[in-house]
Amino acid sequence: MLKGLIVCFAVLFAQLAVLHLVDTRLYNPSQDARQTALTTVTPLKDEKEDEQEAQN
């Protein structure tokens, strides 16, 4: 039984180590900064401005 617990914990820690490596590869802050695109938001025109332009 003790041998089974040791094997179980060894497998658990191996899985945690692999998940930690995968996590650090997927979440890399320097890569996130490069992939971030700048977008400009154009404000929507008010309906009143549209009516005034249509009347002119």
N, C-alpha and C. Protein backbone atom coordinates (compact mmCIF):
# COMPACT_ATOMS: atom_id res chain seq x y z
N MET A 1 0.83 -1.19 0.00
CA MET A 1 0.00 0.00 0.00
C MET A 1 0.88 1.26 0.00
N LEU A 2 1.94 1.25 0.76
CA LEU A 2 2.82 2.40 0.81
C LEU A 2 3.50 2.61 -0.54
N LYS A 3 3.85 1.53 -1.19
CA LYS A 3 4.47 1.64 -2.52
C LYS A 3 3.49 2.25 -3.52
N GLY A 4 2.22 1.90 -3.42
CA GLY A 4 1.19 2.45 -4.30
C GLY A 4 1.02 3.95 -4.08
N LEU A 5 1.05 4.39 -2.82
CA LEU A 5 0.94 5.81 -2.53
C LEU A 5 2.14 6.58 -3.07
N ILE A 6 3.32 6.01 -2.94
CA ILE A 6 4.52 6.68 -3.45
C ILE A 6 4.44 6.82 -4.96
N VAL A 7 3.99 5.76 -5.64
CA VAL A 7 3.84 5.81 -7.10
C VAL A 7 2.78 6.84 -7.48
N CYS A 8 1.69 6.88 -6.74
CA CYS A 8 0.61 7.83 -7.02
C CYS A 8 1.11 9.27 -6.88
N PHE A 9 1.84 9.56 -5.80
CA PHE A 9 2.36 10.91 -5.62
C PHE A 9 3.42 11.25 -6.67
N ALA A 10 4.22 10.27 -7.05
CA ALA A 10 5.23 10.52 -8.08
C ALA A 10 4.56 10.88 -9.41
N VAL A 11 3.51 10.16 -9.75
CA VAL A 11 2.78 10.46 -10.99
C VAL A 11 2.11 11.83 -10.88
N LEU A 12 1.56 12.14 -9.72
CA LEU A 12 0.91 13.43 -9.51
C LEU A 12 1.90 14.58 -9.70
N PHE A 13 3.07 14.47 -9.09
CA PHE A 13 4.05 15.54 -9.23
C PHE A 13 4.60 15.63 -10.65
N ALA A 14 4.69 14.50 -11.34
CA ALA A 14 5.14 14.53 -12.74
C ALA A 14 4.11 15.27 -13.59
N GLN A 15 2.83 15.00 -13.36
CA GLN A 15 1.78 15.69 -14.11
C GLN A 15 1.79 17.18 -13.81
N LEU A 16 1.98 17.55 -12.56
CA LEU A 16 2.03 18.97 -12.20
C LEU A 16 3.22 19.66 -12.87
N ALA A 17 4.34 18.96 -12.95
CA ALA A 17 5.51 19.55 -13.60
C ALA A 17 5.26 19.76 -15.09
N VAL A 18 4.63 18.78 -15.74
CA VAL A 18 4.33 18.92 -17.17
C VAL A 18 3.33 20.04 -17.40
N LEU A 19 2.30 20.13 -16.56
CA LEU A 19 1.33 21.21 -16.70
C LEU A 19 1.97 22.57 -16.47
N HIS A 20 2.91 22.64 -15.56
CA HIS A 20 3.62 23.90 -15.32
C HIS A 20 4.43 24.30 -16.55
N LEU A 21 5.09 23.35 -17.18
CA LEU A 21 5.85 23.66 -18.39
C LEU A 21 4.95 24.11 -19.53
N VAL A 22 3.82 23.44 -19.69
CA VAL A 22 2.87 23.82 -20.75
C VAL A 22 2.32 25.21 -20.47
N ASP A 23 2.02 25.50 -19.22
CA ASP A 23 1.47 26.80 -18.85
C ASP A 23 2.48 27.91 -19.14
N THR A 24 3.74 27.70 -18.79
CA THR A 24 4.73 28.74 -19.04
C THR A 24 4.99 28.94 -20.52
N ARG A 25 4.85 27.90 -21.32
CA ARG A 25 5.04 28.06 -22.77
C ARG A 25 3.86 28.78 -23.40
N LEU A 26 2.64 28.48 -22.94
CA LEU A 26 1.46 29.10 -23.53
C LEU A 26 1.31 30.55 -23.09
N TYR A 27 1.59 30.83 -21.81
CA TYR A 27 1.43 32.19 -21.32
C TYR A 27 2.80 32.80 -21.16
N ASN A 28 3.23 33.50 -22.19
CA ASN A 28 4.52 34.19 -22.16
C ASN A 28 4.22 35.67 -22.36
N PRO A 29 4.41 36.51 -21.35
CA PRO A 29 4.04 37.92 -21.45
C PRO A 29 4.71 38.65 -22.61
N SER A 30 5.93 38.30 -22.97
CA SER A 30 6.59 39.00 -24.08
C SER A 30 5.90 38.68 -25.40
N GLN A 31 5.39 37.46 -25.55
CA GLN A 31 4.65 37.12 -26.76
C GLN A 31 3.32 37.85 -26.81
N ASP A 32 2.67 37.99 -25.66
CA ASP A 32 1.39 38.69 -25.62
C ASP A 32 1.55 40.14 -26.05
N ALA A 33 2.65 40.76 -25.64
CA ALA A 33 2.87 42.16 -26.00
C ALA A 33 3.07 42.31 -27.50
N ARG A 34 3.71 41.33 -28.12
CA ARG A 34 3.93 41.43 -29.56
C ARG A 34 2.65 41.18 -30.35
N GLN A 35 1.77 40.34 -29.81
CA GLN A 35 0.57 39.98 -30.56
C GLN A 35 -0.56 40.97 -30.38
N THR A 36 -0.42 41.88 -29.47
CA THR A 36 -1.48 42.85 -29.21
C THR A 36 -1.52 43.87 -30.35
N ALA A 37 -2.67 44.01 -30.95
CA ALA A 37 -2.83 44.95 -32.05
C ALA A 37 -3.53 46.20 -31.54
N LEU A 38 -3.10 47.32 -32.05
CA LEU A 38 -3.75 48.58 -31.68
C LEU A 38 -4.97 48.79 -32.57
N THR A 39 -6.06 49.10 -31.97
CA THR A 39 -7.27 49.38 -32.73
C THR A 39 -7.77 50.75 -32.35
N THR A 40 -8.23 51.47 -33.34
CA THR A 40 -8.79 52.78 -33.06
C THR A 40 -10.30 52.67 -33.14
N VAL A 41 -10.95 53.22 -32.16
CA VAL A 41 -12.40 53.19 -32.10
C VAL A 41 -12.92 54.50 -32.63
N THR A 42 -13.71 54.43 -33.67
CA THR A 42 -14.30 55.65 -34.22
C THR A 42 -15.63 55.90 -33.52
N PRO A 43 -15.84 57.08 -33.01
CA PRO A 43 -17.09 57.35 -32.31
C PRO A 43 -18.26 57.37 -33.29
N LEU A 44 -19.39 56.90 -32.82
CA LEU A 44 -20.59 56.88 -33.65
C LEU A 44 -21.16 58.30 -33.74
N LYS A 45 -21.73 58.60 -34.88
CA LYS A 45 -22.34 59.92 -35.06
C LYS A 45 -23.70 59.96 -34.36
N ASP A 46 -24.02 61.11 -33.82
CA ASP A 46 -25.33 61.27 -33.19
C ASP A 46 -26.40 61.37 -34.27
N GLU A 47 -27.59 60.96 -33.91
CA GLU A 47 -28.71 61.05 -34.86
C GLU A 47 -29.03 62.51 -35.19
N LYS A 48 -28.84 63.39 -34.23
CA LYS A 48 -29.12 64.81 -34.47
C LYS A 48 -28.17 65.37 -35.52
N GLU A 49 -26.91 64.95 -35.48
CA GLU A 49 -25.95 65.42 -36.49
C GLU A 49 -26.34 64.91 -37.87
N ASP A 50 -26.82 63.66 -37.92
CA ASP A 50 -27.24 63.10 -39.21
C ASP A 50 -28.43 63.88 -39.77
N GLU A 51 -29.37 64.26 -38.91
CA GLU A 51 -30.53 65.01 -39.38
C GLU A 51 -30.13 66.39 -39.88
N GLN A 52 -29.19 67.02 -39.16
CA GLN A 52 -28.74 68.34 -39.57
C GLN A 52 -28.01 68.27 -40.92
N GLU A 53 -27.22 67.25 -41.14
CA GLU A 53 -26.51 67.12 -42.41
C GLU A 53 -27.50 66.82 -43.54
N ALA A 54 -28.54 66.06 -43.24
CA ALA A 54 -29.53 65.74 -44.25
C ALA A 54 -30.32 66.99 -44.66
N GLN A 55 -30.56 67.88 -43.68
CA GLN A 55 -31.31 69.09 -43.97
C GLN A 55 -30.46 70.08 -44.76
N ASN A 56 -29.15 70.07 -44.58
CA ASN A 56 -28.28 71.03 -45.26
C ASN A 56 -27.98 70.58 -46.64
